[in-house]
Amino acid sequence: MSRQGTRRVPLEDFFVHVRKTVRQPQELLAAIRWPVPTDRSASAFRKLALRKADAISVLNAAVNVERDGAGRCRQARIALGAVAPTPIRAHEAEEALRGQRLTPAIIAEAARLAAEATQPIDDIRGSAAYRKRVVEVLVRRLLDEVARGKE
């Protein structure tokens, strides 16, 4: 929102680089909107940091899965932070879940694909290899949690 008017930007397009967004200096971020989850959806989020209070993430991950009446994944979203220059979605991992039951094998494959989607760096908080491995473990755990919660 600015004097020139209001615009909507998809979240995936909002972040353009490390600490850079499409927001112009004269603009005010007035709202963030997302669809209300259905009663057939479940979500989970985890942040891994070196300390509990106000720490920059080593990485973070969020998953949302919506199932159909037969218990198959109708839609999935996997978002990852601190593993690329901007927050990312693991689209191939999401696609691997679509139409499937959340079995251990399907979950493991989606977690592997989520890790492959990352472009982490080495820094003081952790190595790129560490981050990539932990993404796979964390996404698997989150999907397991979601699968158990909405059986």
N, C-alpha and C. Protein backbone atom coordinates (compact mmCIF):
# COMPACT_ATOMS: atom_id res chain seq x y z
N MET A 1 0.85 -1.16 0.00
CA MET A 1 0.00 0.00 0.00
C MET A 1 0.91 1.24 0.00
N SER A 2 0.56 2.17 -0.87
CA SER A 2 1.28 3.44 -0.93
C SER A 2 0.31 4.49 -1.44
N ARG A 3 0.79 5.68 -1.63
CA ARG A 3 -0.07 6.74 -2.19
C ARG A 3 -0.50 6.40 -3.60
N GLN A 4 0.28 5.59 -4.28
CA GLN A 4 -0.08 5.20 -5.65
C GLN A 4 -1.17 4.12 -5.68
N GLY A 5 -1.43 3.48 -4.55
CA GLY A 5 -2.48 2.47 -4.51
C GLY A 5 -2.05 1.23 -3.76
N THR A 6 -2.83 0.19 -3.97
CA THR A 6 -2.62 -1.09 -3.29
C THR A 6 -2.23 -2.13 -4.32
N ARG A 7 -1.33 -3.01 -3.94
CA ARG A 7 -1.00 -4.13 -4.81
C ARG A 7 -0.89 -5.39 -3.98
N ARG A 8 -1.14 -6.51 -4.63
CA ARG A 8 -1.00 -7.82 -4.01
C ARG A 8 0.15 -8.55 -4.68
N VAL A 9 0.97 -9.19 -3.85
CA VAL A 9 2.13 -9.91 -4.34
C VAL A 9 2.10 -11.31 -3.73
N PRO A 10 2.15 -12.36 -4.55
CA PRO A 10 2.24 -13.71 -3.98
C PRO A 10 3.49 -13.82 -3.10
N LEU A 11 3.38 -14.53 -2.00
CA LEU A 11 4.50 -14.62 -1.06
C LEU A 11 5.77 -15.14 -1.73
N GLU A 12 5.63 -16.08 -2.65
CA GLU A 12 6.81 -16.61 -3.34
C GLU A 12 7.53 -15.54 -4.15
N ASP A 13 6.83 -14.50 -4.56
CA ASP A 13 7.44 -13.42 -5.33
C ASP A 13 7.90 -12.26 -4.45
N PHE A 14 7.51 -12.26 -3.18
CA PHE A 14 7.82 -11.14 -2.29
C PHE A 14 9.30 -11.06 -1.95
N PHE A 15 9.90 -12.21 -1.65
CA PHE A 15 11.32 -12.26 -1.31
C PHE A 15 12.13 -12.43 -2.58
N VAL A 16 13.12 -11.54 -2.80
CA VAL A 16 13.89 -11.60 -4.05
C VAL A 16 15.35 -11.96 -3.84
N HIS A 17 15.88 -11.72 -2.64
CA HIS A 17 17.26 -12.09 -2.34
C HIS A 17 17.44 -11.99 -0.83
N VAL A 18 18.63 -12.26 -0.36
CA VAL A 18 18.91 -12.18 1.07
C VAL A 18 18.55 -10.78 1.58
N ARG A 19 17.63 -10.72 2.52
CA ARG A 19 17.17 -9.46 3.13
C ARG A 19 16.65 -8.45 2.12
N LYS A 20 16.16 -8.91 1.00
CA LYS A 20 15.60 -8.02 -0.02
C LYS A 20 14.21 -8.53 -0.42
N THR A 21 13.28 -7.58 -0.51
CA THR A 21 11.92 -7.91 -0.93
C THR A 21 11.51 -6.96 -2.06
N VAL A 22 10.33 -7.18 -2.61
CA VAL A 22 9.82 -6.30 -3.66
C VAL A 22 9.18 -5.03 -3.09
N ARG A 23 9.07 -4.93 -1.76
CA ARG A 23 8.48 -3.74 -1.15
C ARG A 23 9.36 -2.53 -1.44
N GLN A 24 8.72 -1.50 -1.93
CA GLN A 24 9.41 -0.24 -2.23
C GLN A 24 9.47 0.62 -0.97
N PRO A 25 10.43 1.54 -0.88
CA PRO A 25 10.59 2.36 0.33
C PRO A 25 9.32 3.12 0.74
N GLN A 26 8.53 3.54 -0.22
CA GLN A 26 7.32 4.31 0.09
C GLN A 26 6.11 3.42 0.40
N GLU A 27 6.27 2.10 0.35
CA GLU A 27 5.15 1.19 0.56
C GLU A 27 5.08 0.69 2.00
N LEU A 28 3.86 0.40 2.42
CA LEU A 28 3.58 -0.16 3.73
C LEU A 28 2.95 -1.53 3.52
N LEU A 29 3.48 -2.53 4.20
CA LEU A 29 2.88 -3.86 4.17
C LEU A 29 1.66 -3.82 5.07
N ALA A 30 0.48 -3.92 4.48
CA ALA A 30 -0.76 -3.71 5.23
C ALA A 30 -1.44 -5.01 5.65
N ALA A 31 -1.20 -6.11 4.94
CA ALA A 31 -1.88 -7.37 5.27
C ALA A 31 -1.14 -8.55 4.65
N ILE A 32 -1.28 -9.66 5.31
CA ILE A 32 -0.83 -10.94 4.77
C ILE A 32 -2.05 -11.84 4.79
N ARG A 33 -2.37 -12.42 3.66
CA ARG A 33 -3.59 -13.24 3.55
C ARG A 33 -3.24 -14.65 3.12
N TRP A 34 -3.97 -15.61 3.66
CA TRP A 34 -3.83 -17.00 3.23
C TRP A 34 -5.17 -17.67 3.43
N PRO A 35 -5.41 -18.77 2.72
CA PRO A 35 -6.70 -19.44 2.85
C PRO A 35 -6.88 -20.09 4.23
N VAL A 36 -8.11 -20.12 4.68
CA VAL A 36 -8.42 -20.80 5.94
C VAL A 36 -8.29 -22.31 5.69
N PRO A 37 -7.54 -23.02 6.55
CA PRO A 37 -7.38 -24.46 6.35
C PRO A 37 -8.71 -25.19 6.53
N THR A 38 -8.87 -26.28 5.79
CA THR A 38 -10.07 -27.09 5.92
C THR A 38 -9.92 -28.01 7.13
N ASP A 39 -11.01 -28.66 7.50
CA ASP A 39 -10.95 -29.60 8.62
C ASP A 39 -10.19 -30.88 8.25
N ARG A 40 -9.84 -31.03 6.99
CA ARG A 40 -9.06 -32.19 6.55
C ARG A 40 -7.58 -31.86 6.38
N SER A 41 -7.16 -30.72 6.90
CA SER A 41 -5.75 -30.35 6.75
C SER A 41 -5.07 -30.34 8.11
N ALA A 42 -3.76 -30.53 8.07
CA ALA A 42 -2.94 -30.49 9.28
C ALA A 42 -1.62 -29.83 8.92
N SER A 43 -1.06 -29.11 9.89
CA SER A 43 0.18 -28.38 9.66
C SER A 43 1.14 -28.60 10.82
N ALA A 44 2.42 -28.39 10.53
CA ALA A 44 3.44 -28.47 11.58
C ALA A 44 4.60 -27.56 11.17
N PHE A 45 5.30 -27.02 12.17
CA PHE A 45 6.42 -26.11 11.93
C PHE A 45 7.49 -26.37 12.98
N ARG A 46 8.75 -26.26 12.58
CA ARG A 46 9.87 -26.34 13.52
C ARG A 46 10.95 -25.35 13.10
N LYS A 47 11.56 -24.75 14.09
CA LYS A 47 12.71 -23.87 13.88
C LYS A 47 13.88 -24.49 14.63
N LEU A 48 14.98 -24.63 13.94
CA LEU A 48 16.21 -25.10 14.57
C LEU A 48 17.14 -23.90 14.70
N ALA A 49 17.53 -23.61 15.95
CA ALA A 49 18.42 -22.48 16.22
C ALA A 49 19.44 -22.89 17.26
N LEU A 50 20.49 -22.12 17.38
CA LEU A 50 21.56 -22.46 18.32
C LEU A 50 21.18 -22.15 19.76
N ARG A 51 20.20 -21.27 19.95
CA ARG A 51 19.69 -21.00 21.29
C ARG A 51 18.20 -20.71 21.18
N LYS A 52 17.50 -20.71 22.28
CA LYS A 52 16.05 -20.61 22.27
C LYS A 52 15.52 -19.20 21.99
N ALA A 53 16.12 -18.19 22.58
CA ALA A 53 15.55 -16.85 22.51
C ALA A 53 16.10 -16.05 21.35
N ASP A 54 15.22 -15.56 20.51
CA ASP A 54 15.55 -14.58 19.48
C ASP A 54 16.80 -14.93 18.66
N ALA A 55 16.93 -16.18 18.29
CA ALA A 55 18.11 -16.61 17.53
C ALA A 55 17.78 -16.68 16.04
N ILE A 56 18.77 -16.37 15.24
CA ILE A 56 18.63 -16.57 13.80
C ILE A 56 18.57 -18.07 13.54
N SER A 57 17.68 -18.48 12.69
CA SER A 57 17.50 -19.90 12.42
C SER A 57 18.72 -20.52 11.76
N VAL A 58 19.05 -21.72 12.18
CA VAL A 58 19.95 -22.56 11.40
C VAL A 58 19.16 -23.02 10.18
N LEU A 59 17.90 -23.37 10.42
CA LEU A 59 16.93 -23.65 9.37
C LEU A 59 15.57 -23.75 10.01
N ASN A 60 14.53 -23.67 9.19
CA ASN A 60 13.18 -23.90 9.67
C ASN A 60 12.38 -24.55 8.56
N ALA A 61 11.33 -25.24 8.96
CA ALA A 61 10.50 -25.95 7.99
C ALA A 61 9.05 -25.94 8.44
N ALA A 62 8.16 -25.84 7.47
CA ALA A 62 6.73 -25.91 7.73
C ALA A 62 6.10 -26.82 6.69
N VAL A 63 5.14 -27.61 7.13
CA VAL A 63 4.39 -28.46 6.20
C VAL A 63 2.91 -28.28 6.45
N ASN A 64 2.15 -28.41 5.38
CA ASN A 64 0.70 -28.41 5.45
C ASN A 64 0.22 -29.46 4.47
N VAL A 65 -0.63 -30.35 4.95
CA VAL A 65 -1.17 -31.41 4.10
C VAL A 65 -2.69 -31.41 4.25
N GLU A 66 -3.38 -31.40 3.11
CA GLU A 66 -4.83 -31.54 3.09
C GLU A 66 -5.14 -32.87 2.45
N ARG A 67 -5.97 -33.66 3.11
CA ARG A 67 -6.32 -34.99 2.60
C ARG A 67 -7.73 -35.01 2.04
N ASP A 68 -7.96 -35.97 1.14
CA ASP A 68 -9.31 -36.17 0.62
C ASP A 68 -10.06 -37.13 1.55
N GLY A 69 -11.28 -37.48 1.20
CA GLY A 69 -12.11 -38.36 2.03
C GLY A 69 -11.54 -39.76 2.18
N ALA A 70 -10.69 -40.17 1.24
CA ALA A 70 -10.08 -41.51 1.30
C ALA A 70 -8.74 -41.50 2.04
N GLY A 71 -8.32 -40.35 2.55
CA GLY A 71 -7.07 -40.28 3.29
C GLY A 71 -5.84 -40.03 2.44
N ARG A 72 -6.04 -39.77 1.15
CA ARG A 72 -4.89 -39.45 0.29
C ARG A 72 -4.62 -37.95 0.32
N CYS A 73 -3.39 -37.60 0.06
CA CYS A 73 -2.99 -36.20 0.05
C CYS A 73 -3.62 -35.50 -1.16
N ARG A 74 -4.47 -34.53 -0.89
CA ARG A 74 -5.06 -33.74 -1.97
C ARG A 74 -4.15 -32.58 -2.34
N GLN A 75 -3.53 -31.99 -1.33
CA GLN A 75 -2.65 -30.84 -1.56
C GLN A 75 -1.60 -30.82 -0.45
N ALA A 76 -0.38 -30.45 -0.80
CA ALA A 76 0.70 -30.35 0.19
C ALA A 76 1.49 -29.08 -0.04
N ARG A 77 1.99 -28.53 1.03
CA ARG A 77 2.88 -27.37 0.97
C ARG A 77 4.04 -27.64 1.92
N ILE A 78 5.25 -27.46 1.42
CA ILE A 78 6.45 -27.60 2.25
C ILE A 78 7.28 -26.34 2.03
N ALA A 79 7.44 -25.57 3.10
CA ALA A 79 8.21 -24.32 3.03
C ALA A 79 9.45 -24.46 3.90
N LEU A 80 10.56 -23.92 3.40
CA LEU A 80 11.84 -24.04 4.08
C LEU A 80 12.50 -22.67 4.18
N GLY A 81 13.12 -22.41 5.32
CA GLY A 81 13.81 -21.14 5.52
C GLY A 81 15.24 -21.36 5.96
N ALA A 82 16.10 -20.40 5.63
CA ALA A 82 17.52 -20.39 5.99
C ALA A 82 18.31 -21.49 5.28
N VAL A 83 17.81 -21.96 4.16
CA VAL A 83 18.51 -23.00 3.39
C VAL A 83 18.67 -22.59 1.93
N ALA A 84 18.43 -21.33 1.64
CA ALA A 84 18.55 -20.75 0.30
C ALA A 84 18.57 -19.23 0.50
N PRO A 85 18.87 -18.47 -0.53
CA PRO A 85 18.90 -17.02 -0.36
C PRO A 85 17.57 -16.41 0.10
N THR A 86 16.46 -17.08 -0.20
CA THR A 86 15.14 -16.64 0.23
C THR A 86 14.39 -17.85 0.76
N PRO A 87 13.28 -17.65 1.48
CA PRO A 87 12.45 -18.80 1.84
C PRO A 87 12.01 -19.50 0.55
N ILE A 88 11.92 -20.81 0.59
CA ILE A 88 11.56 -21.57 -0.62
C ILE A 88 10.46 -22.56 -0.34
N ARG A 89 9.82 -22.99 -1.41
CA ARG A 89 8.90 -24.11 -1.37
C ARG A 89 9.57 -25.30 -2.04
N ALA A 90 9.32 -26.47 -1.52
CA ALA A 90 9.86 -27.71 -2.09
C ALA A 90 8.78 -28.31 -3.00
N HIS A 91 8.65 -27.75 -4.19
CA HIS A 91 7.57 -28.12 -5.11
C HIS A 91 7.62 -29.60 -5.52
N GLU A 92 8.81 -30.14 -5.81
CA GLU A 92 8.89 -31.55 -6.21
C GLU A 92 8.47 -32.46 -5.06
N ALA A 93 8.83 -32.10 -3.86
CA ALA A 93 8.42 -32.89 -2.69
C ALA A 93 6.90 -32.83 -2.52
N GLU A 94 6.32 -31.65 -2.71
CA GLU A 94 4.87 -31.51 -2.62
C GLU A 94 4.18 -32.39 -3.66
N GLU A 95 4.72 -32.37 -4.87
CA GLU A 95 4.14 -33.17 -5.96
C GLU A 95 4.23 -34.66 -5.66
N ALA A 96 5.32 -35.09 -5.03
CA ALA A 96 5.48 -36.52 -4.69
C ALA A 96 4.43 -36.98 -3.69
N LEU A 97 3.90 -36.07 -2.88
CA LEU A 97 2.88 -36.42 -1.89
C LEU A 97 1.47 -36.45 -2.49
N ARG A 98 1.24 -35.63 -3.50
CA ARG A 98 -0.09 -35.45 -4.06
C ARG A 98 -0.66 -36.78 -4.57
N GLY A 99 -1.87 -37.09 -4.10
CA GLY A 99 -2.57 -38.31 -4.52
C GLY A 99 -2.14 -39.55 -3.76
N GLN A 100 -1.21 -39.43 -2.83
CA GLN A 100 -0.66 -40.57 -2.11
C GLN A 100 -1.15 -40.62 -0.66
N ARG A 101 -1.14 -41.81 -0.10
CA ARG A 101 -1.29 -41.96 1.34
C ARG A 101 0.07 -41.63 1.96
N LEU A 102 0.07 -41.09 3.15
CA LEU A 102 1.32 -40.70 3.79
C LEU A 102 1.97 -41.91 4.47
N THR A 103 2.50 -42.80 3.66
CA THR A 103 3.21 -43.97 4.16
C THR A 103 4.65 -43.57 4.50
N PRO A 104 5.34 -44.38 5.28
CA PRO A 104 6.74 -44.06 5.58
C PRO A 104 7.60 -43.91 4.32
N ALA A 105 7.37 -44.73 3.30
CA ALA A 105 8.18 -44.64 2.07
C ALA A 105 7.89 -43.35 1.31
N ILE A 106 6.64 -42.96 1.20
CA ILE A 106 6.26 -41.72 0.50
C ILE A 106 6.81 -40.51 1.27
N ILE A 107 6.69 -40.54 2.59
CA ILE A 107 7.20 -39.45 3.41
C ILE A 107 8.72 -39.34 3.26
N ALA A 108 9.42 -40.46 3.27
CA ALA A 108 10.89 -40.44 3.12
C ALA A 108 11.29 -39.86 1.77
N GLU A 109 10.57 -40.22 0.71
CA GLU A 109 10.90 -39.69 -0.62
C GLU A 109 10.64 -38.19 -0.67
N ALA A 110 9.53 -37.73 -0.11
CA ALA A 110 9.24 -36.29 -0.09
C ALA A 110 10.30 -35.54 0.71
N ALA A 111 10.74 -36.10 1.83
CA ALA A 111 11.77 -35.46 2.64
C ALA A 111 13.09 -35.37 1.87
N ARG A 112 13.43 -36.43 1.13
CA ARG A 112 14.65 -36.41 0.31
C ARG A 112 14.57 -35.32 -0.75
N LEU A 113 13.41 -35.22 -1.40
CA LEU A 113 13.22 -34.20 -2.44
C LEU A 113 13.26 -32.79 -1.84
N ALA A 114 12.74 -32.63 -0.64
CA ALA A 114 12.79 -31.32 0.02
C ALA A 114 14.24 -30.92 0.27
N ALA A 115 15.06 -31.86 0.72
CA ALA A 115 16.47 -31.56 0.95
C ALA A 115 17.17 -31.20 -0.36
N GLU A 116 16.82 -31.88 -1.44
CA GLU A 116 17.42 -31.58 -2.74
C GLU A 116 17.06 -30.18 -3.24
N ALA A 117 15.93 -29.65 -2.79
CA ALA A 117 15.49 -28.32 -3.24
C ALA A 117 16.29 -27.20 -2.59
N THR A 118 17.06 -27.51 -1.57
CA THR A 118 17.78 -26.47 -0.84
C THR A 118 19.08 -26.06 -1.52
N GLN A 119 19.53 -24.86 -1.17
CA GLN A 119 20.82 -24.31 -1.63
C GLN A 119 21.51 -23.67 -0.43
N PRO A 120 21.77 -24.46 0.62
CA PRO A 120 22.32 -23.85 1.84
C PRO A 120 23.77 -23.41 1.68
N ILE A 121 24.18 -22.59 2.61
CA ILE A 121 25.57 -22.11 2.65
C ILE A 121 26.23 -22.60 3.93
N ASP A 122 27.54 -22.56 3.95
CA ASP A 122 28.30 -22.79 5.18
C ASP A 122 28.38 -21.44 5.90
N ASP A 123 28.08 -21.44 7.18
CA ASP A 123 28.29 -20.24 7.99
C ASP A 123 28.51 -20.65 9.44
N ILE A 124 28.55 -19.68 10.31
CA ILE A 124 28.85 -19.95 11.71
C ILE A 124 27.80 -20.84 12.38
N ARG A 125 26.58 -20.83 11.87
CA ARG A 125 25.49 -21.62 12.47
C ARG A 125 25.51 -23.07 12.03
N GLY A 126 26.12 -23.38 10.89
CA GLY A 126 26.16 -24.77 10.43
C GLY A 126 26.64 -24.86 9.00
N SER A 127 27.11 -26.02 8.64
CA SER A 127 27.59 -26.24 7.28
C SER A 127 26.41 -26.49 6.33
N ALA A 128 26.68 -26.34 5.06
CA ALA A 128 25.66 -26.62 4.04
C ALA A 128 25.24 -28.07 4.10
N ALA A 129 26.20 -28.98 4.25
CA ALA A 129 25.89 -30.41 4.31
C ALA A 129 25.01 -30.72 5.52
N TYR A 130 25.31 -30.10 6.65
CA TYR A 130 24.52 -30.30 7.87
C TYR A 130 23.08 -29.83 7.64
N ARG A 131 22.95 -28.64 7.09
CA ARG A 131 21.60 -28.10 6.84
C ARG A 131 20.80 -29.00 5.90
N LYS A 132 21.43 -29.45 4.84
CA LYS A 132 20.75 -30.31 3.87
C LYS A 132 20.25 -31.60 4.55
N ARG A 133 21.10 -32.20 5.36
CA ARG A 133 20.74 -33.44 6.06
C ARG A 133 19.61 -33.18 7.05
N VAL A 134 19.72 -32.08 7.80
CA VAL A 134 18.70 -31.79 8.81
C VAL A 134 17.36 -31.44 8.17
N VAL A 135 17.37 -30.79 7.00
CA VAL A 135 16.11 -30.54 6.30
C VAL A 135 15.40 -31.86 6.03
N GLU A 136 16.14 -32.83 5.53
CA GLU A 136 15.52 -34.14 5.24
C GLU A 136 14.92 -34.75 6.51
N VAL A 137 15.68 -34.74 7.59
CA VAL A 137 15.19 -35.32 8.85
C VAL A 137 13.99 -34.55 9.37
N LEU A 138 14.07 -33.23 9.36
CA LEU A 138 13.00 -32.40 9.92
C LEU A 138 11.72 -32.51 9.10
N VAL A 139 11.82 -32.47 7.79
CA VAL A 139 10.63 -32.61 6.95
C VAL A 139 10.00 -33.99 7.15
N ARG A 140 10.81 -35.02 7.25
CA ARG A 140 10.27 -36.36 7.51
C ARG A 140 9.51 -36.38 8.83
N ARG A 141 10.10 -35.80 9.87
CA ARG A 141 9.44 -35.78 11.18
C ARG A 141 8.14 -34.98 11.16
N LEU A 142 8.15 -33.84 10.46
CA LEU A 142 6.93 -33.03 10.39
C LEU A 142 5.83 -33.76 9.63
N LEU A 143 6.19 -34.40 8.52
CA LEU A 143 5.19 -35.16 7.76
C LEU A 143 4.69 -36.36 8.57
N ASP A 144 5.57 -37.01 9.32
CA ASP A 144 5.12 -38.09 10.22
C ASP A 144 4.12 -37.56 11.24
N GLU A 145 4.42 -36.41 11.80
CA GLU A 145 3.53 -35.79 12.80
C GLU A 145 2.17 -35.48 12.18
N VAL A 146 2.17 -34.90 11.01
CA VAL A 146 0.93 -34.57 10.32
C VAL A 146 0.15 -35.85 9.98
N ALA A 147 0.86 -36.88 9.54
CA ALA A 147 0.21 -38.14 9.16
C ALA A 147 -0.46 -38.78 10.38
N ARG A 148 0.20 -38.77 11.51
CA ARG A 148 -0.36 -39.37 12.72
C ARG A 148 -1.54 -38.55 13.25
N GLY A 149 -1.47 -37.24 13.08
CA GLY A 149 -2.49 -36.36 13.65
C GLY A 149 -3.81 -36.37 12.94
N LYS A 150 -3.84 -36.78 11.69
CA LYS A 150 -5.08 -36.71 10.90
C LYS A 150 -5.41 -38.04 10.25
N GLU A 151 -5.28 -39.11 10.98
CA GLU A 151 -5.58 -40.43 10.41
C GLU A 151 -7.08 -40.62 10.33
